[in-house]
Amino acid sequence: MTAATHPTATPAPPAAPVLRAVDVTKVYGGTTALKGVSLDIAPGRVTVLFGENGAGKSTLMKILSAVESPTTGQIELDGNVVRFGSAREAADSGISIIHQELSLCPNLSIQDNLFLGREHTRRLLIDRGAQRAQAAAVLGRLDDALDPDDQVGDLRLGQQQLVEIARALLQNARVLIMDEPTSALSAPEVEILFQVVRELTAEGVAVVYISHHLEEALALADDVAVLRDGSMVATAVAADIDLGWVVRTMVGREQDDLFPVRESRPGTVALETVDLCVADPAHPDRLAVDSVSLQVRAGETVGIYGLMGSGRTELLECLAGRLPAASGETRLHGEPVTGNVRQRVRTGLALVPEDRQRDGLVQLMTVGENLSLAAITRYVRRFVVSRSRERAAVESMISDITVKTAGADAAVGSLSGGNQQKVVIGKALMTEPRVLLLDEPSRGVDVAAKADVFEVMADQAARGLAVLFTTSEAEEALHIPDRLLVLVRGRLVADLRAGDITRDQLMSLADGADTTEATEATEEDHR
């Protein structure tokens, strides 16, 4: 047979779904979280689920993994209707989930967290040797220098995220659901995770992936589904769409419209550091921040771009009084700043922390109580809190920063991630700061909520506040600040004006490449 007469190759038919949601509805009280949602999950493929906060993504994932039960509709596994009584039953059938919010026990070791409730036993005793060997193997697969005996509470957030992922990998799932698995990971850690995901899909594992990092998730996706307001509004093969399609389908506007545009009018220097050094909390003999000198002016938004381990969090926590300075000086409007967090809040420094769940919110309190918590002394008259003045201030803040809530008395835990973040920002603003510090303010929030957060930051700068924020997202670094500082291994390597640098140049700087060209260009521009 000649080449011309070769029969046309017939593409292999798509594999039957391993897991399906069929017309799933979920109602909580008077709220319908999911409205007749159907989704097919194929083996050996990554299905990325996009949607804003409150679209129903996490609810659907909880139903697929039997954390929740559907109000109506059904779940099918291998074509058979299943009704699991618990998440443990689902996991035993091969469906495992990595939740968005960490569910680790900080007082236990990594090893104990990995096998909690699934301990290996031998003659009625826990086989710690076997557990340690498996823990070391899965941690090695994620390429992190973690010891199985390390206590989880001593780990940074990104390392805790890796432990959560490792726990899911140990269950040998047929379907692995990953809800925001990279929200606290560095770029190298993300690359390693993606490599592991591809290894799993090559072995036939079906992966369901949720992320607010749209570009990153689209690069990983084989199939895409978009939820909006509890309904499935679109599905597609990833190769047939682009990022613009995702944004338009999710929120109905273009990506460039998500970044606020304003004219910067910097005033006098509000915040200044001179040769500031901060020890690494995990390794006190090392410096997390090394001789950093910077200035932020009133009315100016300054971004600090750095990857995980760059020292960005330690820098902001030192400025806010959460970590001591090893040496150097911090000045606020020319006056030296010292003291603890409470004293620095009184002088006009307020921090929005990276981890809102652990450090920013009190989950048992209402929205209003969280907002006024740091500023409660402002409403005290003759040793009694004026609830009317406090209430008025809270209601005003809810309106100013557009928190979507049933009211000030709503439980803060009932809000979406984006609205919880707004509450944390509002709590800082209620202290009436002169300098607003924000550590990864868009972490774990959807694309529309990010735009709202950026708008709040721009509004505060327009009112004369000095705004200093950190980010590990290149698009934010390039579009949000008036000036951009690049931090690499604790040292500032560039001070750039908006538009001075491309994405590729920024990534090269952050990776520790030669900074001479960028530095010289910056100095020339500033002259």
Protein backbone atom coordinates (compact mmCIF):
# COMPACT_ATOMS: atom_id res chain seq x y z
CA MET A 1 0.00 0.00 0.00
CA THR A 2 1.42 3.42 -1.00
CA ALA A 3 1.42 6.44 1.22
CA ALA A 4 -1.38 7.96 -0.81
CA THR A 5 -3.67 5.05 -0.02
CA HIS A 6 -3.07 4.93 3.74
CA PRO A 7 -6.40 5.07 5.55
CA THR A 8 -7.06 8.24 7.58
CA ALA A 9 -6.34 7.65 11.25
CA THR A 10 -9.51 7.70 13.32
CA PRO A 11 -9.13 9.64 16.58
CA ALA A 12 -9.68 7.55 19.64
CA PRO A 13 -13.13 8.11 21.13
CA PRO A 14 -13.13 10.08 24.40
CA ALA A 15 -12.99 7.93 27.46
CA ALA A 16 -16.21 7.51 29.42
CA PRO A 17 -16.43 9.84 32.42
CA VAL A 18 -15.14 8.34 35.62
CA LEU A 19 -17.20 10.78 37.69
CA ARG A 20 -20.32 12.73 36.74
CA ALA A 21 -22.56 15.30 38.37
CA VAL A 22 -26.06 15.09 36.87
CA ASP A 23 -28.54 17.97 37.35
CA VAL A 24 -27.15 18.73 40.82
CA THR A 25 -28.95 21.36 42.89
CA LYS A 26 -27.90 22.50 46.35
CA VAL A 27 -30.04 24.69 48.58
CA TYR A 28 -28.91 26.19 51.90
CA GLY A 29 -31.92 27.67 53.66
CA GLY A 30 -33.24 30.28 51.23
CA THR A 31 -30.08 30.31 49.11
CA THR A 32 -29.67 28.16 46.01
CA ALA A 33 -25.93 27.55 45.64
CA LEU A 34 -26.17 25.20 42.62
CA LYS A 35 -28.89 25.13 39.98
CA GLY A 36 -29.12 21.92 37.98
CA VAL A 37 -25.37 21.61 37.36
CA SER A 38 -24.01 18.77 35.25
CA LEU A 39 -20.30 18.04 34.79
CA ASP A 40 -18.39 15.11 33.25
CA ILE A 41 -14.89 14.32 34.57
CA ALA A 42 -12.76 12.18 32.29
CA PRO A 43 -9.91 9.90 33.38
CA GLY A 44 -6.41 10.98 32.46
CA ARG A 45 -7.44 14.64 31.96
CA VAL A 46 -7.36 17.87 33.94
CA THR A 47 -10.77 19.53 34.17
CA VAL A 48 -10.41 23.15 35.32
CA LEU A 49 -13.45 24.76 36.92
CA PHE A 50 -13.56 28.54 36.63
CA GLY A 51 -15.93 30.93 38.39
CA GLU A 52 -16.08 33.89 40.71
CA ASN A 53 -16.32 33.55 44.48
CA GLY A 54 -19.87 32.52 45.24
CA ALA A 55 -20.35 30.90 41.80
CA GLY A 56 -20.68 27.47 43.43
CA LYS A 57 -17.30 25.90 42.62
CA SER A 58 -16.41 24.78 46.13
CA THR A 59 -19.98 23.61 46.79
CA LEU A 60 -19.86 21.40 43.70
CA MET A 61 -16.49 19.99 44.72
CA LYS A 62 -17.79 19.21 48.21
CA ILE A 63 -20.71 17.34 46.69
CA LEU A 64 -18.45 15.37 44.33
CA SER A 65 -16.28 14.34 47.30
CA ALA A 66 -19.27 13.63 49.60
CA VAL A 67 -18.43 16.39 52.06
CA GLU A 68 -21.94 17.65 51.23
CA SER A 69 -24.98 15.90 49.78
CA PRO A 70 -26.97 17.33 46.84
CA THR A 71 -30.48 18.59 47.47
CA THR A 72 -31.52 17.10 44.12
CA GLY A 73 -29.64 15.40 41.31
CA GLN A 74 -27.12 12.59 41.49
CA ILE A 75 -23.46 11.65 41.37
CA GLU A 76 -22.29 8.79 39.17
CA LEU A 77 -19.02 6.87 39.55
CA ASP A 78 -18.10 4.61 36.63
CA GLY A 79 -21.65 5.00 35.32
CA ASN A 80 -23.29 3.91 38.56
CA VAL A 81 -25.26 6.21 40.86
CA VAL A 82 -23.48 6.52 44.22
CA ARG A 83 -24.64 7.92 47.54
CA PHE A 84 -21.67 8.10 49.89
CA GLY A 85 -22.39 8.53 53.55
CA SER A 86 -19.20 10.48 54.21
CA ALA A 87 -16.08 11.92 52.64
CA ARG A 88 -14.22 8.90 54.05
CA GLU A 89 -16.44 6.56 52.02
CA ALA A 90 -15.80 8.64 48.90
CA ALA A 91 -12.05 8.56 49.54
CA ASP A 92 -12.17 4.79 49.97
CA SER A 93 -13.80 4.66 46.52
CA GLY A 94 -11.01 6.74 45.03
CA ILE A 95 -12.29 10.35 45.27
CA SER A 96 -9.94 12.64 47.18
CA ILE A 97 -10.11 16.39 47.73
CA ILE A 98 -7.60 19.07 48.67
CA HIS A 99 -9.62 21.85 50.28
CA GLN A 100 -9.01 25.55 49.67
CA GLU A 101 -8.61 26.27 53.38
CA LEU A 102 -5.97 24.15 55.08
CA SER A 103 -7.25 21.44 57.42
CA LEU A 104 -4.02 20.53 59.16
CA CYS A 105 -3.30 20.08 62.87
CA PRO A 106 -0.51 22.58 63.64
CA ASN A 107 0.49 20.84 66.86
CA LEU A 108 1.25 17.56 65.07
CA SER A 109 4.18 16.55 62.88
CA ILE A 110 3.96 16.32 59.10
CA GLN A 111 3.96 12.53 59.34
CA ASP A 112 1.09 12.51 61.85
CA ASN A 113 -0.94 14.90 59.67
CA LEU A 114 -0.39 12.80 56.56
CA PHE A 115 -1.71 9.61 58.18
CA LEU A 116 -4.27 11.09 60.59
CA GLY A 117 -7.24 8.69 60.63
CA ARG A 118 -5.39 6.34 58.24
CA GLU A 119 -2.55 5.16 60.43
CA HIS A 120 -0.51 2.12 59.37
CA THR A 121 -0.61 -0.50 62.08
CA ARG A 122 1.31 -3.66 62.81
CA ARG A 123 0.22 -5.90 65.66
CA LEU A 124 -2.18 -3.21 66.86
CA LEU A 125 0.61 -0.63 67.05
CA ILE A 126 1.23 2.28 64.69
CA ASP A 127 4.02 1.39 62.29
CA ARG A 128 5.84 4.71 62.44
CA GLY A 129 8.77 3.42 60.39
CA ALA A 130 6.52 2.55 57.43
CA GLN A 131 4.67 5.85 57.78
CA ARG A 132 7.88 7.85 57.86
CA ALA A 133 9.22 6.11 54.76
CA GLN A 134 6.03 6.83 52.81
CA ALA A 135 5.94 10.41 54.07
CA ALA A 136 9.54 10.99 52.99
CA ALA A 137 8.80 9.52 49.56
CA VAL A 138 5.77 11.70 48.85
CA LEU A 139 7.51 14.84 50.17
CA GLY A 140 10.46 14.02 47.94
CA ARG A 141 8.10 13.78 44.99
CA LEU A 142 7.06 17.37 45.70
CA ASP A 143 10.76 18.26 45.87
CA ASP A 144 10.64 20.07 49.16
CA ALA A 145 13.27 19.78 51.88
CA LEU A 146 10.72 18.92 54.55
CA ASP A 147 11.34 16.39 57.29
CA PRO A 148 8.38 14.14 58.18
CA ASP A 149 9.05 14.92 61.84
CA ASP A 150 8.78 18.71 61.39
CA GLN A 151 5.86 20.23 63.27
CA VAL A 152 3.29 21.68 60.91
CA GLY A 153 2.78 24.81 63.02
CA ASP A 154 6.42 25.76 62.40
CA LEU A 155 6.05 25.68 58.60
CA ARG A 156 5.40 28.68 56.38
CA LEU A 157 2.08 28.78 54.57
CA GLY A 158 3.41 27.45 51.27
CA GLN A 159 4.99 24.44 52.98
CA GLN A 160 1.72 23.70 54.79
CA GLN A 161 0.01 23.74 51.40
CA LEU A 162 2.48 21.12 50.16
CA VAL A 163 1.68 18.95 53.18
CA GLU A 164 -2.03 19.18 52.31
CA ILE A 165 -1.23 18.11 48.74
CA ALA A 166 1.02 15.28 49.94
CA ARG A 167 -1.78 13.93 52.13
CA ALA A 168 -4.08 13.69 49.10
CA LEU A 169 -1.38 12.02 46.98
CA LEU A 170 -0.94 9.30 49.60
CA GLN A 171 -4.54 8.18 49.14
CA ASN A 172 -3.88 6.91 45.57
CA ALA A 173 -7.03 8.57 44.29
CA ARG A 174 -8.69 7.83 40.94
CA VAL A 175 -10.23 11.30 41.05
CA LEU A 176 -8.21 14.09 42.68
CA ILE A 177 -10.04 17.36 43.36
CA MET A 178 -7.73 20.33 43.95
CA ASP A 179 -9.39 23.50 45.27
CA GLU A 180 -6.90 26.40 45.03
CA PRO A 181 -3.82 24.19 45.58
CA THR A 182 -1.27 26.84 44.50
CA SER A 183 -2.58 29.88 46.40
CA ALA A 184 0.43 29.90 48.73
CA LEU A 185 3.05 28.22 46.54
CA SER A 186 6.10 29.80 44.95
CA ALA A 187 6.63 29.63 41.17
CA PRO A 188 9.10 26.69 41.43
CA GLU A 189 6.69 24.84 43.73
CA VAL A 190 3.86 25.41 41.24
CA GLU A 191 5.99 23.96 38.44
CA ILE A 192 6.69 20.87 40.53
CA LEU A 193 3.02 20.46 41.38
CA PHE A 194 2.08 20.72 37.70
CA GLN A 195 4.65 18.05 36.89
CA VAL A 196 3.09 15.78 39.53
CA VAL A 197 -0.39 16.47 38.10
CA ARG A 198 0.77 15.48 34.62
CA GLU A 199 2.33 12.30 36.01
CA LEU A 200 -0.99 11.46 37.67
CA THR A 201 -3.04 12.06 34.52
CA ALA A 202 -0.57 9.93 32.54
CA GLU A 203 -1.42 7.15 35.00
CA GLY A 204 -5.14 7.66 34.27
CA VAL A 205 -6.06 9.76 37.30
CA ALA A 206 -8.80 12.34 36.69
CA VAL A 207 -7.92 15.75 38.14
CA VAL A 208 -10.44 18.49 38.88
CA TYR A 209 -8.67 21.79 39.38
CA ILE A 210 -9.94 25.11 40.75
CA SER A 211 -7.78 28.22 40.74
CA HIS A 212 -8.11 32.00 40.66
CA HIS A 213 -4.79 32.10 38.81
CA LEU A 214 -6.52 31.99 35.46
CA GLU A 215 -3.53 31.93 33.13
CA GLU A 216 -1.76 29.30 35.22
CA ALA A 217 -4.84 27.06 35.36
CA LEU A 218 -5.55 27.40 31.64
CA ALA A 219 -2.01 26.25 30.86
CA LEU A 220 -2.66 23.07 32.86
CA ALA A 221 -6.19 22.39 31.61
CA ASP A 222 -7.38 19.77 29.17
CA ASP A 223 -11.06 20.62 29.66
CA VAL A 224 -12.68 23.78 31.02
CA ALA A 225 -16.02 24.45 32.71
CA VAL A 226 -17.34 27.83 33.89
CA LEU A 227 -19.83 28.36 36.70
CA ARG A 228 -21.68 31.62 37.21
CA ASP A 229 -24.24 32.27 39.96
CA GLY A 230 -24.63 28.55 40.61
CA SER A 231 -25.24 27.57 36.98
CA MET A 232 -22.94 25.89 34.47
CA VAL A 233 -22.70 28.52 31.74
CA ALA A 234 -20.04 27.03 29.44
CA THR A 235 -17.76 24.06 28.85
CA ALA A 236 -14.92 23.79 26.33
CA VAL A 237 -11.77 21.96 25.38
CA ALA A 238 -8.87 24.08 26.65
CA ALA A 239 -7.06 24.05 23.30
CA ASP A 240 -10.05 25.82 21.69
CA ILE A 241 -10.20 28.87 23.99
CA ASP A 242 -7.97 31.58 25.45
CA LEU A 243 -7.70 33.67 28.60
CA GLY A 244 -9.95 36.38 27.20
CA TRP A 245 -12.72 33.82 26.68
CA VAL A 246 -12.41 32.68 30.30
CA VAL A 247 -12.63 36.22 31.71
CA ARG A 248 -15.54 37.22 29.46
CA THR A 249 -17.45 34.05 30.29
CA MET A 250 -16.85 34.44 34.02
CA VAL A 251 -17.48 38.15 34.55
CA GLY A 252 -18.67 39.61 31.26
CA ARG A 253 -15.79 42.04 30.71
CA GLU A 254 -12.26 42.13 29.34
CA GLN A 255 -9.22 41.37 31.50
CA ASP A 256 -7.66 44.83 31.00
CA ASP A 257 -10.78 46.37 32.55
CA LEU A 258 -9.98 44.69 35.87
CA PHE A 259 -7.08 47.01 36.72
CA PRO A 260 -8.00 50.51 37.99
CA VAL A 261 -6.65 53.50 36.07
CA ARG A 262 -5.82 56.65 38.01
CA GLU A 263 -3.41 59.53 37.97
CA SER A 264 -0.80 59.34 40.71
CA ARG A 265 -0.02 62.46 42.74
CA PRO A 266 2.69 61.44 45.24
CA GLY A 267 3.27 63.80 48.14
CA THR A 268 5.88 63.82 50.87
CA VAL A 269 7.68 60.68 52.05
CA ALA A 270 5.34 58.85 54.44
CA LEU A 271 7.26 55.62 55.06
CA GLU A 272 10.98 55.08 54.85
CA THR A 273 13.35 52.28 55.76
CA VAL A 274 17.14 52.64 55.98
CA ASP A 275 19.29 49.50 55.75
CA LEU A 276 16.55 47.42 57.38
CA CYS A 277 17.55 43.85 58.25
CA VAL A 278 15.17 41.18 59.55
CA ALA A 279 16.16 37.71 60.73
CA ASP A 280 14.44 34.67 59.23
CA PRO A 281 12.01 33.45 61.95
CA ALA A 282 12.67 29.81 60.98
CA HIS A 283 16.46 30.28 60.83
CA PRO A 284 17.49 33.12 63.15
CA ASP A 285 21.11 32.91 61.98
CA ARG A 286 20.01 34.00 58.48
CA LEU A 287 18.57 37.26 57.19
CA ALA A 288 15.16 37.17 55.52
CA VAL A 289 15.50 40.90 54.75
CA ASP A 290 18.98 42.21 54.01
CA SER A 291 19.75 45.96 54.15
CA VAL A 292 16.54 47.15 52.49
CA SER A 293 16.13 50.90 51.99
CA LEU A 294 12.89 52.13 50.45
CA GLN A 295 10.51 55.08 50.41
CA VAL A 296 6.75 55.28 49.95
CA ARG A 297 5.11 58.69 49.51
CA ALA A 298 1.66 59.80 50.58
CA GLY A 299 -0.78 59.20 47.74
CA GLU A 300 1.49 56.61 46.13
CA THR A 301 0.96 52.90 45.55
CA VAL A 302 4.20 50.92 45.69
CA GLY A 303 4.35 47.21 44.91
CA ILE A 304 6.95 44.71 46.05
CA TYR A 305 7.28 41.78 43.67
CA GLY A 306 8.99 38.69 44.98
CA LEU A 307 8.67 34.94 44.84
CA MET A 308 8.19 32.74 47.88
CA GLY A 309 11.23 33.07 50.13
CA SER A 310 12.13 36.53 48.83
CA GLY A 311 11.50 38.09 52.25
CA ARG A 312 8.44 40.09 51.23
CA THR A 313 6.25 38.87 54.11
CA GLU A 314 9.02 39.30 56.69
CA LEU A 315 9.58 42.87 55.48
CA LEU A 316 5.94 43.87 55.91
CA GLU A 317 5.61 42.06 59.23
CA CYS A 318 8.65 43.93 60.52
CA LEU A 319 7.19 47.26 59.39
CA ALA A 320 3.96 46.38 61.21
CA GLY A 321 5.77 45.35 64.41
CA ARG A 322 5.09 41.61 64.17
CA LEU A 323 8.79 40.81 63.69
CA PRO A 324 11.73 42.67 65.26
CA ALA A 325 14.35 44.40 63.13
CA ALA A 326 17.84 42.96 63.44
CA SER A 327 19.24 46.36 62.45
CA GLY A 328 18.34 49.42 60.44
CA GLU A 329 15.62 51.99 60.90
CA THR A 330 11.98 52.60 59.97
CA ARG A 331 10.57 56.13 59.82
CA LEU A 332 6.99 57.36 59.53
CA HIS A 333 6.82 60.93 58.23
CA GLY A 334 10.40 61.41 59.32
CA GLU A 335 9.98 60.09 62.86
CA PRO A 336 11.55 56.78 63.97
CA VAL A 337 9.05 53.96 64.42
CA THR A 338 9.44 51.42 67.21
CA GLY A 339 7.23 49.28 69.39
CA ASN A 340 4.82 46.41 68.93
CA VAL A 341 1.84 46.01 66.60
CA ARG A 342 -0.52 47.93 68.84
CA GLN A 343 1.86 50.88 69.17
CA ARG A 344 2.47 50.99 65.42
CA VAL A 345 -1.24 50.94 64.69
CA ARG A 346 -1.56 54.00 66.90
CA THR A 347 1.16 55.78 64.92
CA GLY A 348 -0.59 55.05 61.64
CA LEU A 349 0.75 51.72 60.31
CA ALA A 350 -1.79 48.99 59.52
CA LEU A 351 -1.14 45.56 58.00
CA VAL A 352 -3.45 43.33 55.97
CA PRO A 353 -1.79 39.92 56.53
CA GLU A 354 -1.22 37.25 53.90
CA ASP A 355 -3.29 34.57 55.65
CA ARG A 356 -6.70 36.11 56.33
CA GLN A 357 -8.08 32.97 57.97
CA ARG A 358 -5.30 32.60 60.53
CA ASP A 359 -4.22 36.20 61.10
CA GLY A 360 -6.94 38.47 59.74
CA LEU A 361 -10.32 37.24 60.93
CA VAL A 362 -12.02 35.89 64.03
CA GLN A 363 -14.36 33.30 62.54
CA LEU A 364 -16.71 33.24 65.54
CA MET A 365 -17.38 36.97 65.23
CA THR A 366 -19.73 38.83 62.91
CA VAL A 367 -18.73 41.00 59.98
CA GLY A 368 -19.20 44.14 62.09
CA GLU A 369 -17.27 42.81 65.07
CA ASN A 370 -14.33 41.88 62.84
CA LEU A 371 -14.34 45.31 61.18
CA SER A 372 -14.27 47.28 64.43
CA LEU A 373 -12.00 44.92 66.38
CA ALA A 374 -8.70 46.75 65.84
CA ALA A 375 -10.26 50.20 66.30
CA ILE A 376 -12.68 49.49 69.15
CA THR A 377 -11.02 52.00 71.51
CA ARG A 378 -12.06 54.80 69.13
CA TYR A 379 -15.68 54.23 70.16
CA VAL A 380 -15.13 54.13 73.93
CA ARG A 381 -16.61 56.93 76.00
CA ARG A 382 -16.16 56.84 79.79
CA PHE A 383 -15.03 53.21 79.68
CA VAL A 384 -18.10 52.12 77.69
CA VAL A 385 -18.23 51.32 73.99
CA SER A 386 -20.71 53.52 72.14
CA ARG A 387 -22.46 50.88 70.08
CA SER A 388 -24.28 53.47 67.99
CA ARG A 389 -21.02 55.16 66.92
CA GLU A 390 -19.38 51.77 66.32
CA ARG A 391 -22.37 50.61 64.25
CA ALA A 392 -22.38 53.77 62.16
CA ALA A 393 -18.67 53.41 61.40
CA VAL A 394 -19.08 49.73 60.50
CA GLU A 395 -22.02 50.39 58.18
CA SER A 396 -20.09 53.19 56.50
CA MET A 397 -17.06 50.93 55.93
CA ILE A 398 -19.21 48.11 54.53
CA SER A 399 -20.58 50.59 52.02
CA ASP A 400 -17.21 52.21 51.21
CA ILE A 401 -15.45 48.96 50.36
CA THR A 402 -18.56 47.24 48.93
CA VAL A 403 -18.67 44.16 51.15
CA LYS A 404 -21.41 41.87 49.87
CA THR A 405 -23.09 40.73 53.06
CA ALA A 406 -26.54 40.33 54.54
CA GLY A 407 -25.51 42.92 57.10
CA ALA A 408 -23.06 43.77 59.87
CA ASP A 409 -24.51 41.00 62.03
CA ALA A 410 -23.83 38.26 59.47
CA ALA A 411 -21.24 35.63 60.38
CA VAL A 412 -17.95 36.51 58.71
CA GLY A 413 -17.52 32.84 57.80
CA SER A 414 -20.63 33.03 55.62
CA LEU A 415 -18.92 35.43 53.20
CA SER A 416 -17.03 34.49 50.05
CA GLY A 417 -13.23 34.64 50.11
CA GLY A 418 -13.19 37.98 48.29
CA ASN A 419 -15.61 39.58 50.71
CA GLN A 420 -13.73 38.18 53.70
CA GLN A 421 -10.61 39.84 52.28
CA LYS A 422 -12.47 43.14 52.03
CA VAL A 423 -13.40 42.80 55.71
CA VAL A 424 -9.73 42.35 56.63
CA ILE A 425 -8.83 45.44 54.59
CA GLY A 426 -11.73 47.35 56.13
CA LYS A 427 -10.54 46.38 59.63
CA ALA A 428 -7.16 47.94 58.85
CA LEU A 429 -8.76 51.07 57.38
CA MET A 430 -10.93 51.59 60.45
CA THR A 431 -7.76 52.28 62.45
CA GLU A 432 -7.36 55.37 60.19
CA PRO A 433 -3.80 54.55 59.06
CA ARG A 434 -1.42 56.85 57.27
CA VAL A 435 0.35 53.89 55.67
CA LEU A 436 -1.54 50.79 54.51
CA LEU A 437 0.52 47.60 54.21
CA LEU A 438 -0.99 44.68 52.28
CA ASP A 439 0.68 41.28 52.01
CA GLU A 440 -0.60 39.43 48.90
CA PRO A 441 -4.00 41.18 49.09
CA SER A 442 -5.49 39.21 46.18
CA ARG A 443 -4.47 35.73 47.38
CA GLY A 444 -7.28 33.22 47.05
CA VAL A 445 -9.91 35.60 45.64
CA ASP A 446 -11.56 35.51 42.25
CA VAL A 447 -10.87 37.81 39.32
CA ALA A 448 -13.79 40.17 39.98
CA ALA A 449 -13.03 40.39 43.71
CA LYS A 450 -9.40 41.18 42.83
CA ALA A 451 -10.60 44.14 40.79
CA ASP A 452 -12.61 45.34 43.81
CA VAL A 453 -9.57 45.00 46.09
CA PHE A 454 -7.38 46.93 43.65
CA GLU A 455 -10.05 49.63 43.43
CA VAL A 456 -10.07 49.99 47.22
CA MET A 457 -6.27 50.34 47.20
CA ALA A 458 -6.44 52.99 44.46
CA ASP A 459 -9.15 54.91 46.32
CA GLN A 460 -7.09 54.97 49.52
CA ALA A 461 -4.03 56.25 47.65
CA ALA A 462 -6.20 58.93 46.04
CA ARG A 463 -7.25 59.99 49.57
CA GLY A 464 -3.60 60.48 50.48
CA LEU A 465 -2.62 57.20 52.10
CA ALA A 466 0.72 55.62 51.31
CA VAL A 467 0.00 52.10 50.05
CA LEU A 468 2.67 49.39 50.08
CA PHE A 469 1.70 45.90 48.94
CA THR A 470 3.42 42.65 48.03
CA THR A 471 2.54 40.30 45.21
CA SER A 472 3.89 37.19 43.52
CA GLU A 473 1.69 37.70 40.45
CA ALA A 474 3.43 39.37 37.54
CA GLU A 475 0.28 40.91 36.03
CA GLU A 476 -0.54 42.63 39.31
CA ALA A 477 3.03 43.85 39.66
CA LEU A 478 2.99 45.33 36.16
CA HIS A 479 -0.45 46.96 36.29
CA ILE A 480 -1.28 48.06 39.85
CA PRO A 481 1.57 50.08 41.43
CA ASP A 482 2.91 53.53 40.59
CA ARG A 483 6.34 52.14 41.44
CA LEU A 484 7.53 48.57 41.61
CA LEU A 485 10.28 47.20 43.83
CA VAL A 486 11.73 43.76 43.10
CA LEU A 487 12.89 41.71 46.08
CA VAL A 488 15.21 38.71 45.60
CA ARG A 489 16.48 36.66 48.55
CA GLY A 490 15.93 39.53 50.94
CA ARG A 491 17.57 42.25 48.84
CA LEU A 492 16.01 44.94 46.67
CA VAL A 493 17.35 44.56 43.14
CA ALA A 494 15.24 47.13 41.27
CA ASP A 495 13.11 50.24 41.82
CA LEU A 496 10.97 50.78 38.73
CA ARG A 497 8.28 53.15 37.59
CA ALA A 498 5.08 51.88 35.99
CA GLY A 499 5.79 50.75 32.44
CA ASP A 500 9.57 50.48 32.92
CA ILE A 501 9.73 46.69 32.61
CA THR A 502 8.21 43.82 30.65
CA ARG A 503 6.84 40.60 32.09
CA ASP A 504 9.86 38.59 30.87
CA GLN A 505 12.30 41.10 32.38
CA LEU A 506 10.41 41.02 35.67
CA MET A 507 10.49 37.24 35.85
CA SER A 508 14.20 37.25 35.04
CA LEU A 509 14.88 39.73 37.85
CA ALA A 510 12.81 37.79 40.36
CA ASP A 511 14.60 34.56 39.48
CA GLY A 512 17.88 36.22 40.49
CA ALA A 513 19.26 36.90 37.02
CA ASP A 514 21.74 39.70 36.36
CA THR A 515 20.11 42.98 37.40
CA THR A 516 22.69 45.39 36.03
CA GLU A 517 20.78 46.33 32.86
CA ALA A 518 17.49 46.90 34.68
CA THR A 519 19.15 48.85 37.48
CA GLU A 520 21.02 51.10 35.05
CA ALA A 521 17.84 51.72 33.07
CA THR A 522 15.97 52.60 36.24
CA GLU A 523 18.66 55.02 37.41
CA GLU A 524 18.67 56.71 34.00
CA ASP A 525 14.86 57.10 34.08
CA HIS A 526 14.94 58.56 37.57
CA ARG A 527 17.58 61.07 36.52
